[in-house]
Amino acid sequence: MTKGPIGIFDSGYGGLTILREIIREMPEYDYIYLGDNARAPYGQRSFDTIYQYTLECVQWFFKQGCPLVILACNTASAKALKNIQHLALPLMTPENRVLGVIRPTAEVIGHYTHTNEIGILATTGTVISESYLIEIKKRFPDIKVVQQACPMWVPMIESNDFRNEGGDYYLRKYLDQLLSGSKLIDTILLACTHYPILTQKIKQYIGEDITILSQGPIVAKSLKDYLRRHPEIASRVTKDSSYEFFTTDAESDFDTHASLFFGSPVKAHHTEIDHTIHFYPKALGKK
């Protein structure tokens, strides 16, 4: 029963928007962030590839002594979390825990809508998985969910092109496609941790009548509640108010982009991921 920091994982930079809110909610804990930038983005990769990549990164966190890992990536949460929890974790370290960002979001999203119609903006992988449709249906069966894949948003955010005219084109394109699915949508979930960077621009195009939800505050409050309900996990998390950043790609590139998502300067370390996992349990299914 090792003690260590909470691990926060994302395929790239977006999970830093989650980490920022978690630190704000629970500054007393220690955190390690890992961005698998060398293999990003995950959004349009196959189910099996995302499962394998995420599994390798979870194993990396466990080697750092993390008792709890948060998949602060919607694509990894949608395509890898279930199988890691039910298949891989019992073989790796059954006393540890791996959590995602979809379930805590689905548990509360119904409280924000008055028309019972919400929109989901996400990566192609998250949309295809239908994870939000499934999880929201379990808790709010009367809510209509309209999904829209936004494959160009992550690359345009990371390249800083969202600030120019080309970025505006893809912003309007996906928003128009989403809203054409229903005129009654009054709540839009940014179901990719990169997307909060676009919040102010999105507001310019959809007006003030539609609520825009970012996952950071939701996930942070859910994690705080989880640790309260699971003292056996909370007692294994160290408390020195520290946080470290790691990337599988170049540190300089990570540092340059990361501050946009984290909100303050970041100094990362390069790390290598072990690609020779000793087991690769067959996935249960694609949802």
C-alpha atoms as a PDB file:
ATOM      1  CA  MET A   1       0.000   0.000   0.000  1.00  0.00           C
ATOM      2  CA  THR A   2       2.251   2.758  -1.277  1.00  0.00           C
ATOM      3  CA  LYS A   3       1.634   6.457  -0.707  1.00  0.00           C
ATOM      4  CA  GLY A   4       2.101   9.019  -3.435  1.00  0.00           C
ATOM      5  CA  PRO A   5       0.572  11.821  -5.504  1.00  0.00           C
ATOM      6  CA  ILE A   6      -2.636  11.768  -7.522  1.00  0.00           C
ATOM      7  CA  GLY A   7      -1.879  11.104 -11.189  1.00  0.00           C
ATOM      8  CA  ILE A   8      -3.580  13.260 -13.824  1.00  0.00           C
ATOM      9  CA  PHE A   9      -3.356  11.898 -17.367  1.00  0.00           C
ATOM     10  CA  ASP A  10      -4.131  13.312 -20.786  1.00  0.00           C
ATOM     11  CA  SER A  11      -2.957  12.587 -24.301  1.00  0.00           C
ATOM     12  CA  GLY A  12      -1.698  16.159 -24.483  1.00  0.00           C
ATOM     13  CA  TYR A  13      -2.337  19.500 -22.838  1.00  0.00           C
ATOM     14  CA  GLY A  14      -6.093  19.566 -22.261  1.00  0.00           C
ATOM     15  CA  GLY A  15      -5.983  17.714 -18.957  1.00  0.00           C
ATOM     16  CA  LEU A  16      -4.178  20.714 -17.495  1.00  0.00           C
ATOM     17  CA  THR A  17      -7.544  22.512 -17.447  1.00  0.00           C
ATOM     18  CA  ILE A  18      -8.775  19.696 -15.187  1.00  0.00           C
ATOM     19  CA  LEU A  19      -5.657  19.728 -13.011  1.00  0.00           C
ATOM     20  CA  ARG A  20      -5.936  23.496 -12.570  1.00  0.00           C
ATOM     21  CA  GLU A  21      -9.451  23.163 -11.134  1.00  0.00           C
ATOM     22  CA  ILE A  22      -8.552  20.152  -8.980  1.00  0.00           C
ATOM     23  CA  ILE A  23      -5.661  22.083  -7.411  1.00  0.00           C
ATOM     24  CA  ARG A  24      -7.982  25.013  -6.825  1.00  0.00           C
ATOM     25  CA  GLU A  25     -10.471  22.714  -5.064  1.00  0.00           C
ATOM     26  CA  MET A  26      -7.891  20.598  -3.173  1.00  0.00           C
ATOM     27  CA  PRO A  27      -4.546  22.435  -2.941  1.00  0.00           C
ATOM     28  CA  GLU A  28      -3.289  20.306  -0.056  1.00  0.00           C
ATOM     29  CA  TYR A  29      -2.625  17.182  -2.148  1.00  0.00           C
ATOM     30  CA  ASP A  30       0.341  16.280  -4.369  1.00  0.00           C
ATOM     31  CA  TYR A  31      -0.149  15.784  -8.116  1.00  0.00           C
ATOM     32  CA  ILE A  32       1.754  14.407 -11.090  1.00  0.00           C
ATOM     33  CA  TYR A  33       0.637  15.302 -14.611  1.00  0.00           C
ATOM     34  CA  LEU A  34       1.559  13.251 -17.667  1.00  0.00           C
ATOM     35  CA  GLY A  35       0.893  14.349 -21.224  1.00  0.00           C
ATOM     36  CA  ASP A  36       1.461  11.643 -23.847  1.00  0.00           C
ATOM     37  CA  ASN A  37       2.261  14.342 -26.396  1.00  0.00           C
ATOM     38  CA  ALA A  38       4.486  12.094 -28.493  1.00  0.00           C
ATOM     39  CA  ARG A  39       1.430  10.041 -29.487  1.00  0.00           C
ATOM     40  CA  ALA A  40      -1.229  12.764 -29.389  1.00  0.00           C
ATOM     41  CA  PRO A  41      -3.901  13.358 -30.408  1.00  0.00           C
ATOM     42  CA  TYR A  42      -5.870  10.283 -29.356  1.00  0.00           C
ATOM     43  CA  GLY A  43      -9.182  11.548 -30.730  1.00  0.00           C
ATOM     44  CA  GLN A  44      -9.276   9.665 -34.044  1.00  0.00           C
ATOM     45  CA  ARG A  45      -7.235   6.589 -33.102  1.00  0.00           C
ATOM     46  CA  SER A  46      -8.759   3.112 -32.892  1.00  0.00           C
ATOM     47  CA  PHE A  47     -10.358   1.687 -29.765  1.00  0.00           C
ATOM     48  CA  ASP A  48      -7.585  -0.875 -29.251  1.00  0.00           C
ATOM     49  CA  THR A  49      -4.804   1.668 -29.772  1.00  0.00           C
ATOM     50  CA  ILE A  50      -6.263   4.096 -27.236  1.00  0.00           C
ATOM     51  CA  TYR A  51      -6.742   1.253 -24.764  1.00  0.00           C
ATOM     52  CA  GLN A  52      -3.119   0.148 -25.157  1.00  0.00           C
ATOM     53  CA  TYR A  53      -1.676   3.669 -24.933  1.00  0.00           C
ATOM     54  CA  THR A  54      -3.758   4.563 -21.893  1.00  0.00           C
ATOM     55  CA  LEU A  55      -2.923   1.299 -20.173  1.00  0.00           C
ATOM     56  CA  GLU A  56       0.794   1.944 -20.649  1.00  0.00           C
ATOM     57  CA  CYS A  57       0.454   5.425 -19.158  1.00  0.00           C
ATOM     58  CA  VAL A  58      -1.565   4.184 -16.182  1.00  0.00           C
ATOM     59  CA  GLN A  59       1.200   1.668 -15.503  1.00  0.00           C
ATOM     60  CA  TRP A  60       3.714   4.553 -15.630  1.00  0.00           C
ATOM     61  CA  PHE A  61       1.750   6.393 -12.913  1.00  0.00           C
ATOM     62  CA  PHE A  62       1.673   3.308 -10.712  1.00  0.00           C
ATOM     63  CA  LYS A  63       5.460   3.067 -11.011  1.00  0.00           C
ATOM     64  CA  GLN A  64       5.636   6.644  -9.677  1.00  0.00           C
ATOM     65  CA  GLY A  65       3.713   5.498  -6.608  1.00  0.00           C
ATOM     66  CA  CYS A  66       0.340   7.020  -7.497  1.00  0.00           C
ATOM     67  CA  PRO A  67      -2.539   5.239  -5.711  1.00  0.00           C
ATOM     68  CA  LEU A  68      -5.138   7.083  -7.797  1.00  0.00           C
ATOM     69  CA  VAL A  69      -5.081   8.086 -11.468  1.00  0.00           C
ATOM     70  CA  ILE A  70      -7.570  10.422 -13.154  1.00  0.00           C
ATOM     71  CA  LEU A  71      -7.987  10.037 -16.906  1.00  0.00           C
ATOM     72  CA  ALA A  72      -8.445  13.752 -17.590  1.00  0.00           C
ATOM     73  CA  CYS A  73      -9.090  12.913 -21.237  1.00  0.00           C
ATOM     74  CA  ASN A  74     -12.556  12.234 -22.601  1.00  0.00           C
ATOM     75  CA  THR A  75     -11.306   9.956 -25.373  1.00  0.00           C
ATOM     76  CA  ALA A  76      -9.342   7.772 -22.941  1.00  0.00           C
ATOM     77  CA  SER A  77     -12.265   7.792 -20.508  1.00  0.00           C
ATOM     78  CA  ALA A  78     -14.632   6.743 -23.278  1.00  0.00           C
ATOM     79  CA  LYS A  79     -12.506   4.071 -24.925  1.00  0.00           C
ATOM     80  CA  ALA A  80     -10.184   2.724 -22.232  1.00  0.00           C
ATOM     81  CA  LEU A  81     -11.472   3.326 -18.699  1.00  0.00           C
ATOM     82  CA  LYS A  82     -14.010   0.488 -18.445  1.00  0.00           C
ATOM     83  CA  ASN A  83     -11.557  -2.151 -19.606  1.00  0.00           C
ATOM     84  CA  ILE A  84      -8.725  -0.833 -17.440  1.00  0.00           C
ATOM     85  CA  GLN A  85     -10.978  -0.898 -14.376  1.00  0.00           C
ATOM     86  CA  HIS A  86     -12.455  -4.347 -14.981  1.00  0.00           C
ATOM     87  CA  LEU A  87      -9.661  -6.215 -16.760  1.00  0.00           C
ATOM     88  CA  ALA A  88      -6.240  -4.641 -16.322  1.00  0.00           C
ATOM     89  CA  LEU A  89      -6.413  -3.136 -12.836  1.00  0.00           C
ATOM     90  CA  PRO A  90      -7.080  -6.439 -11.006  1.00  0.00           C
ATOM     91  CA  LEU A  91      -3.895  -7.815 -12.596  1.00  0.00           C
ATOM     92  CA  MET A  92      -1.760  -4.702 -12.080  1.00  0.00           C
ATOM     93  CA  THR A  93      -2.438  -3.314  -8.606  1.00  0.00           C
ATOM     94  CA  PRO A  94      -6.003  -4.027  -7.437  1.00  0.00           C
ATOM     95  CA  GLU A  95      -5.632  -1.719  -4.445  1.00  0.00           C
ATOM     96  CA  ASN A  96      -5.221   1.300  -6.750  1.00  0.00           C
ATOM     97  CA  ARG A  97      -7.971   3.187  -8.546  1.00  0.00           C
ATOM     98  CA  VAL A  98      -8.423   4.718 -12.007  1.00  0.00           C
ATOM     99  CA  LEU A  99     -11.257   7.214 -12.597  1.00  0.00           C
ATOM    100  CA  GLY A 100     -12.462   9.167 -15.633  1.00  0.00           C
ATOM    101  CA  VAL A 101     -14.236  12.409 -16.462  1.00  0.00           C
ATOM    102  CA  ILE A 102     -17.378  11.183 -18.240  1.00  0.00           C
ATOM    103  CA  ARG A 103     -19.304   9.680 -15.364  1.00  0.00           C
ATOM    104  CA  PRO A 104     -18.995  12.663 -12.958  1.00  0.00           C
ATOM    105  CA  THR A 105     -20.097  14.965 -15.769  1.00  0.00           C
ATOM    106  CA  ALA A 106     -23.064  12.768 -16.715  1.00  0.00           C
ATOM    107  CA  GLU A 107     -24.167  12.608 -13.082  1.00  0.00           C
ATOM    108  CA  VAL A 108     -24.864  16.354 -12.897  1.00  0.00           C
ATOM    109  CA  ILE A 109     -25.463  17.586 -16.430  1.00  0.00           C
ATOM    110  CA  GLY A 110     -29.234  17.127 -16.209  1.00  0.00           C
ATOM    111  CA  HIS A 111     -29.421  19.764 -13.493  1.00  0.00           C
ATOM    112  CA  TYR A 112     -28.329  22.509 -15.902  1.00  0.00           C
ATOM    113  CA  THR A 113     -30.946  22.171 -18.631  1.00  0.00           C
ATOM    114  CA  HIS A 114     -34.496  23.558 -18.557  1.00  0.00           C
ATOM    115  CA  THR A 115     -35.514  22.327 -22.008  1.00  0.00           C
ATOM    116  CA  ASN A 116     -34.174  18.789 -21.457  1.00  0.00           C
ATOM    117  CA  GLU A 117     -32.037  19.118 -24.589  1.00  0.00           C
ATOM    118  CA  ILE A 118     -28.269  19.364 -24.424  1.00  0.00           C
ATOM    119  CA  GLY A 119     -25.440  19.463 -26.933  1.00  0.00           C
ATOM    120  CA  ILE A 120     -22.127  17.604 -26.691  1.00  0.00           C
ATOM    121  CA  LEU A 121     -19.029  18.943 -28.448  1.00  0.00           C
ATOM    122  CA  ALA A 122     -16.290  16.303 -28.457  1.00  0.00           C
ATOM    123  CA  THR A 123     -13.588  14.502 -30.395  1.00  0.00           C
ATOM    124  CA  THR A 124     -14.543  11.969 -33.042  1.00  0.00           C
ATOM    125  CA  GLY A 125     -13.501   9.114 -30.764  1.00  0.00           C
ATOM    126  CA  THR A 126     -15.687  10.258 -27.886  1.00  0.00           C
ATOM    127  CA  VAL A 127     -18.693  10.768 -30.163  1.00  0.00           C
ATOM    128  CA  ILE A 128     -18.321   7.347 -31.807  1.00  0.00           C
ATOM    129  CA  SER A 129     -18.058   5.648 -28.407  1.00  0.00           C
ATOM    130  CA  GLU A 130     -21.520   7.018 -27.472  1.00  0.00           C
ATOM    131  CA  SER A 131     -20.330   7.050 -23.862  1.00  0.00           C
ATOM    132  CA  TYR A 132     -22.130  10.279 -23.046  1.00  0.00           C
ATOM    133  CA  LEU A 133     -25.356   9.047 -24.614  1.00  0.00           C
ATOM    134  CA  ILE A 134     -25.189   5.885 -22.498  1.00  0.00           C
ATOM    135  CA  GLU A 135     -24.199   7.527 -19.208  1.00  0.00           C
ATOM    136  CA  ILE A 136     -26.649  10.423 -19.458  1.00  0.00           C
ATOM    137  CA  LYS A 137     -29.484   8.058 -20.429  1.00  0.00           C
ATOM    138  CA  LYS A 138     -28.895   6.042 -17.240  1.00  0.00           C
ATOM    139  CA  ARG A 139     -29.375   9.091 -15.043  1.00  0.00           C
ATOM    140  CA  PHE A 140     -31.611  11.403 -17.068  1.00  0.00           C
ATOM    141  CA  PRO A 141     -33.663   9.220 -19.438  1.00  0.00           C
ATOM    142  CA  ASP A 142     -35.855  12.116 -20.572  1.00  0.00           C
ATOM    143  CA  ILE A 143     -33.023  14.302 -21.829  1.00  0.00           C
ATOM    144  CA  LYS A 144     -32.314  14.533 -25.537  1.00  0.00           C
ATOM    145  CA  VAL A 145     -28.598  14.579 -26.349  1.00  0.00           C
ATOM    146  CA  VAL A 146     -27.215  15.929 -29.639  1.00  0.00           C
ATOM    147  CA  GLN A 147     -23.550  15.151 -30.310  1.00  0.00           C
ATOM    148  CA  GLN A 148     -21.131  16.912 -32.634  1.00  0.00           C
ATOM    149  CA  ALA A 149     -17.584  15.801 -33.434  1.00  0.00           C
ATOM    150  CA  CYS A 150     -15.074  18.639 -33.788  1.00  0.00           C
ATOM    151  CA  PRO A 151     -11.969  16.990 -35.280  1.00  0.00           C
ATOM    152  CA  MET A 152     -10.247  20.264 -36.147  1.00  0.00           C
ATOM    153  CA  TRP A 153     -10.531  21.938 -32.745  1.00  0.00           C
ATOM    154  CA  VAL A 154      -7.708  20.211 -30.883  1.00  0.00           C
ATOM    155  CA  PRO A 155      -5.061  20.790 -33.597  1.00  0.00           C
ATOM    156  CA  MET A 156      -6.133  24.399 -34.105  1.00  0.00           C
ATOM    157  CA  ILE A 157      -5.947  25.055 -30.342  1.00  0.00           C
ATOM    158  CA  GLU A 158      -2.510  23.490 -30.000  1.00  0.00           C
ATOM    159  CA  SER A 159      -1.197  25.388 -33.028  1.00  0.00           C
ATOM    160  CA  ASN A 160      -2.773  28.632 -31.728  1.00  0.00           C
ATOM    161  CA  ASP A 161      -4.769  28.923 -34.964  1.00  0.00           C
ATOM    162  CA  PHE A 162      -8.029  29.332 -33.053  1.00  0.00           C
ATOM    163  CA  ARG A 163      -7.220  33.031 -32.815  1.00  0.00           C
ATOM    164  CA  ASN A 164      -7.304  33.629 -36.573  1.00  0.00           C
ATOM    165  CA  GLU A 165      -9.924  33.622 -39.320  1.00  0.00           C
ATOM    166  CA  GLY A 166      -9.419  29.957 -40.157  1.00  0.00           C
ATOM    167  CA  GLY A 167     -10.123  29.078 -36.545  1.00  0.00           C
ATOM    168  CA  ASP A 168     -13.345  31.079 -36.654  1.00  0.00           C
ATOM    169  CA  TYR A 169     -14.462  29.084 -39.687  1.00  0.00           C
ATOM    170  CA  TYR A 170     -14.164  25.738 -37.910  1.00  0.00           C
ATOM    171  CA  LEU A 171     -15.664  27.194 -34.767  1.00  0.00           C
ATOM    172  CA  ARG A 172     -18.798  28.313 -36.608  1.00  0.00           C
ATOM    173  CA  LYS A 173     -18.946  25.151 -38.694  1.00  0.00           C
ATOM    174  CA  TYR A 174     -19.244  22.731 -35.788  1.00  0.00           C
ATOM    175  CA  LEU A 175     -21.474  25.005 -33.707  1.00  0.00           C
ATOM    176  CA  ASP A 176     -23.871  25.413 -36.631  1.00  0.00           C
ATOM    177  CA  GLN A 177     -23.936  21.654 -37.182  1.00  0.00           C
ATOM    178  CA  LEU A 178     -24.664  21.036 -33.507  1.00  0.00           C
ATOM    179  CA  LEU A 179     -27.445  23.594 -33.215  1.00  0.00           C
ATOM    180  CA  SER A 180     -29.045  22.426 -36.449  1.00  0.00           C
ATOM    181  CA  GLY A 181     -29.753  19.174 -34.610  1.00  0.00           C
ATOM    182  CA  SER A 182     -32.177  20.939 -32.290  1.00  0.00           C
ATOM    183  CA  LYS A 183     -33.461  24.463 -31.739  1.00  0.00           C
ATOM    184  CA  LEU A 184     -34.144  23.726 -28.060  1.00  0.00           C
ATOM    185  CA  ILE A 185     -30.584  23.083 -26.885  1.00  0.00           C
ATOM    186  CA  ASP A 186     -30.000  25.277 -23.841  1.00  0.00           C
ATOM    187  CA  THR A 187     -26.850  23.605 -22.484  1.00  0.00           C
ATOM    188  CA  ILE A 188     -23.630  22.723 -24.303  1.00  0.00           C
ATOM    189  CA  LEU A 189     -20.990  20.509 -22.744  1.00  0.00           C
ATOM    190  CA  LEU A 190     -17.395  20.979 -23.840  1.00  0.00           C
ATOM    191  CA  ALA A 191     -16.595  17.250 -23.726  1.00  0.00           C
ATOM    192  CA  CYS A 192     -12.913  17.623 -24.510  1.00  0.00           C
ATOM    193  CA  THR A 193     -10.535  19.142 -22.003  1.00  0.00           C
ATOM    194  CA  HIS A 194      -8.975  21.317 -24.716  1.00  0.00           C
ATOM    195  CA  TYR A 195     -12.212  23.081 -25.520  1.00  0.00           C
ATOM    196  CA  PRO A 196     -12.479  25.454 -22.502  1.00  0.00           C
ATOM    197  CA  ILE A 197      -9.826  27.526 -24.273  1.00  0.00           C
ATOM    198  CA  LEU A 198     -12.547  28.360 -26.830  1.00  0.00           C
ATOM    199  CA  THR A 199     -15.252  29.335 -24.320  1.00  0.00           C
ATOM    200  CA  GLN A 200     -15.229  33.080 -24.954  1.00  0.00           C
ATOM    201  CA  LYS A 201     -15.224  32.628 -28.724  1.00  0.00           C
ATOM    202  CA  ILE A 202     -18.071  30.110 -28.517  1.00  0.00           C
ATOM    203  CA  LYS A 203     -20.126  32.586 -26.504  1.00  0.00           C
ATOM    204  CA  GLN A 204     -19.758  35.117 -29.304  1.00  0.00           C
ATOM    205  CA  TYR A 205     -21.538  32.779 -31.715  1.00  0.00           C
ATOM    206  CA  ILE A 206     -24.248  31.190 -29.583  1.00  0.00           C
ATOM    207  CA  GLY A 207     -25.364  34.085 -27.404  1.00  0.00           C
ATOM    208  CA  GLU A 208     -26.131  34.265 -23.712  1.00  0.00           C
ATOM    209  CA  ASP A 209     -29.184  32.000 -23.631  1.00  0.00           C
ATOM    210  CA  ILE A 210     -27.163  28.776 -23.846  1.00  0.00           C
ATOM    211  CA  THR A 211     -25.150  27.572 -20.858  1.00  0.00           C
ATOM    212  CA  ILE A 212     -21.623  26.365 -21.646  1.00  0.00           C
ATOM    213  CA  LEU A 213     -20.228  23.742 -19.292  1.00  0.00           C
ATOM    214  CA  SER A 214     -16.537  23.009 -18.810  1.00  0.00           C
ATOM    215  CA  GLN A 215     -15.597  19.823 -17.004  1.00  0.00           C
ATOM    216  CA  GLY A 216     -12.842  21.125 -14.733  1.00  0.00           C
ATOM    217  CA  PRO A 217     -14.985  22.387 -11.825  1.00  0.00           C
ATOM    218  CA  ILE A 218     -17.355  19.397 -12.133  1.00  0.00           C
ATOM    219  CA  VAL A 219     -14.551  16.819 -12.026  1.00  0.00           C
ATOM    220  CA  ALA A 220     -12.770  18.635  -9.182  1.00  0.00           C
ATOM    221  CA  LYS A 221     -15.858  18.617  -6.956  1.00  0.00           C
ATOM    222  CA  SER A 222     -16.567  14.984  -7.832  1.00  0.00           C
ATOM    223  CA  LEU A 223     -13.003  13.973  -6.945  1.00  0.00           C
ATOM    224  CA  LYS A 224     -13.210  15.790  -3.621  1.00  0.00           C
ATOM    225  CA  ASP A 225     -16.404  13.910  -2.822  1.00  0.00           C
ATOM    226  CA  TYR A 226     -14.844  10.609  -3.930  1.00  0.00           C
ATOM    227  CA  LEU A 227     -11.901  11.047  -1.547  1.00  0.00           C
ATOM    228  CA  ARG A 228     -14.292  11.920   1.270  1.00  0.00           C
ATOM    229  CA  ARG A 229     -16.240   8.714   0.623  1.00  0.00           C
ATOM    230  CA  HIS A 230     -13.109   6.598   0.187  1.00  0.00           C
ATOM    231  CA  PRO A 231     -10.753   7.351   3.081  1.00  0.00           C
ATOM    232  CA  GLU A 232      -8.772   4.200   2.281  1.00  0.00           C
ATOM    233  CA  ILE A 233      -7.636   5.927  -0.947  1.00  0.00           C
ATOM    234  CA  ALA A 234      -7.394   9.450   0.493  1.00  0.00           C
ATOM    235  CA  SER A 235      -5.086   8.225   3.263  1.00  0.00           C
ATOM    236  CA  ARG A 236      -2.624   6.995   0.621  1.00  0.00           C
ATOM    237  CA  VAL A 237      -2.342  10.362  -1.158  1.00  0.00           C
ATOM    238  CA  THR A 238       0.547  12.518   0.040  1.00  0.00           C
ATOM    239  CA  LYS A 239      -0.077  16.105   1.103  1.00  0.00           C
ATOM    240  CA  ASP A 240       2.726  18.561   0.444  1.00  0.00           C
ATOM    241  CA  SER A 241       0.852  20.853  -1.978  1.00  0.00           C
ATOM    242  CA  SER A 242       3.247  19.961  -4.795  1.00  0.00           C
ATOM    243  CA  TYR A 243       2.787  19.200  -8.468  1.00  0.00           C
ATOM    244  CA  GLU A 244       5.067  17.989 -11.249  1.00  0.00           C
ATOM    245  CA  PHE A 245       4.656  17.836 -15.009  1.00  0.00           C
ATOM    246  CA  PHE A 246       5.900  15.152 -17.395  1.00  0.00           C
ATOM    247  CA  THR A 247       5.650  14.776 -21.159  1.00  0.00           C
ATOM    248  CA  THR A 248       6.584  12.001 -23.572  1.00  0.00           C
ATOM    249  CA  ASP A 249       7.692  14.634 -26.103  1.00  0.00           C
ATOM    250  CA  ALA A 250      10.031  17.646 -25.965  1.00  0.00           C
ATOM    251  CA  GLU A 251       9.938  19.566 -22.683  1.00  0.00           C
ATOM    252  CA  SER A 252      10.398  22.934 -24.374  1.00  0.00           C
ATOM    253  CA  ASP A 253       7.369  22.440 -26.630  1.00  0.00           C
ATOM    254  CA  PHE A 254       5.286  21.279 -23.685  1.00  0.00           C
ATOM    255  CA  ASP A 255       6.280  24.257 -21.534  1.00  0.00           C
ATOM    256  CA  THR A 256       5.470  26.704 -24.343  1.00  0.00           C
ATOM    257  CA  HIS A 257       1.932  25.401 -24.864  1.00  0.00           C
ATOM    258  CA  ALA A 258       1.044  24.214 -21.371  1.00  0.00           C
ATOM    259  CA  SER A 259       0.751  27.629 -19.743  1.00  0.00           C
ATOM    260  CA  LEU A 260      -2.248  28.411 -21.982  1.00  0.00           C
ATOM    261  CA  PHE A 261      -4.135  25.492 -20.418  1.00  0.00           C
ATOM    262  CA  PHE A 262      -2.767  25.592 -16.871  1.00  0.00           C
ATOM    263  CA  GLY A 263      -2.990  29.349 -16.492  1.00  0.00           C
ATOM    264  CA  SER A 264       0.574  29.832 -15.231  1.00  0.00           C
ATOM    265  CA  PRO A 265       4.118  28.889 -16.339  1.00  0.00           C
ATOM    266  CA  VAL A 266       4.934  25.175 -16.456  1.00  0.00           C
ATOM    267  CA  LYS A 267       8.301  23.396 -16.285  1.00  0.00           C
ATOM    268  CA  ALA A 268       8.043  19.793 -17.467  1.00  0.00           C
ATOM    269  CA  HIS A 269      10.338  16.777 -17.469  1.00  0.00           C
ATOM    270  CA  HIS A 270      10.684  14.352 -20.352  1.00  0.00           C
ATOM    271  CA  THR A 271       9.820  10.729 -19.635  1.00  0.00           C
ATOM    272  CA  GLU A 272       9.672   7.484 -21.577  1.00  0.00           C
ATOM    273  CA  ILE A 273       6.715   5.110 -21.480  1.00  0.00           C
ATOM    274  CA  ASP A 274       7.283   1.363 -21.224  1.00  0.00           C
ATOM    275  CA  HIS A 275       5.722  -0.093 -24.375  1.00  0.00           C
ATOM    276  CA  THR A 276       6.259  -3.692 -23.283  1.00  0.00           C
ATOM    277  CA  ILE A 277       3.264  -4.197 -21.028  1.00  0.00           C
ATOM    278  CA  HIS A 278       3.405  -7.726 -19.738  1.00  0.00           C
ATOM    279  CA  PHE A 279      -0.292  -8.251 -20.254  1.00  0.00           C
ATOM    280  CA  TYR A 280      -2.805  -6.801 -22.638  1.00  0.00           C
ATOM    281  CA  PRO A 281      -6.236  -8.102 -21.590  1.00  0.00           C
ATOM    282  CA  LYS A 282      -8.670  -8.367 -24.473  1.00  0.00           C
ATOM    283  CA  ALA A 283     -11.136  -5.495 -24.415  1.00  0.00           C
ATOM    284  CA  LEU A 284     -14.636  -6.237 -23.179  1.00  0.00           C
ATOM    285  CA  GLY A 285     -16.225  -4.159 -25.894  1.00  0.00           C
ATOM    286  CA  LYS A 286     -16.158  -0.817 -27.535  1.00  0.00           C
ATOM    287  CA  LYS A 287     -18.524   0.963 -25.118  1.00  0.00           C
END
